[in-house]
């Protein structure tokens, strides 16, 4: 696989279980950042970064406004803000309208990252109950990035990866047990 400058993982219902299984097997020497955008209610799951940090030796933190994006760090999108990627490879938090009934919206992060990272971006869409992330995967592919989805047969809620498979060109369809190796090989 080619050099990856950023991996973005998006998901909704059923995706937290996947993350908790995948994170422990990630190498602590990853040469790129991982940005996680998970649908959650406003104010809910404020302990999500701590929960994820307990499963990996990598640094895990909630995203702050204008924060530079650094390799080897796992960033978690805060609830109730869209997470955008700026041209200078920093984060911008946005409180505009919900997209696909969601804020943070996976599409917003995938699409803005695609414009910045182009061919060096990998986007992975996990389990979920709406089509958020599909347009972002289409943008990722249009900019030359790599697209991946959780195998819908392994998803707790298969709608999101199924919609991606129907509407976007997907490079990799991954079972949960294959995700960590896929991510480690991106370095």
Foldseek 3Di string as FASTA:
>chain_A
DEAAAEEEEEEEPQVVVLLLLQALLADQPFQYEYEYEYFDAAPPPPCVQVVSVVRHVFAEDEADAFAAGGTRYYYYHHAQWAWAADLNRHTHTHNDDADQNTVNFLLRHLQRVCVRCQQNYEYEYEADDTQGPLNSLQNNVVSNYAYEYEQLVQGPHSPHVVNNVVRHDHDYHHHSVCVNVVSNVND
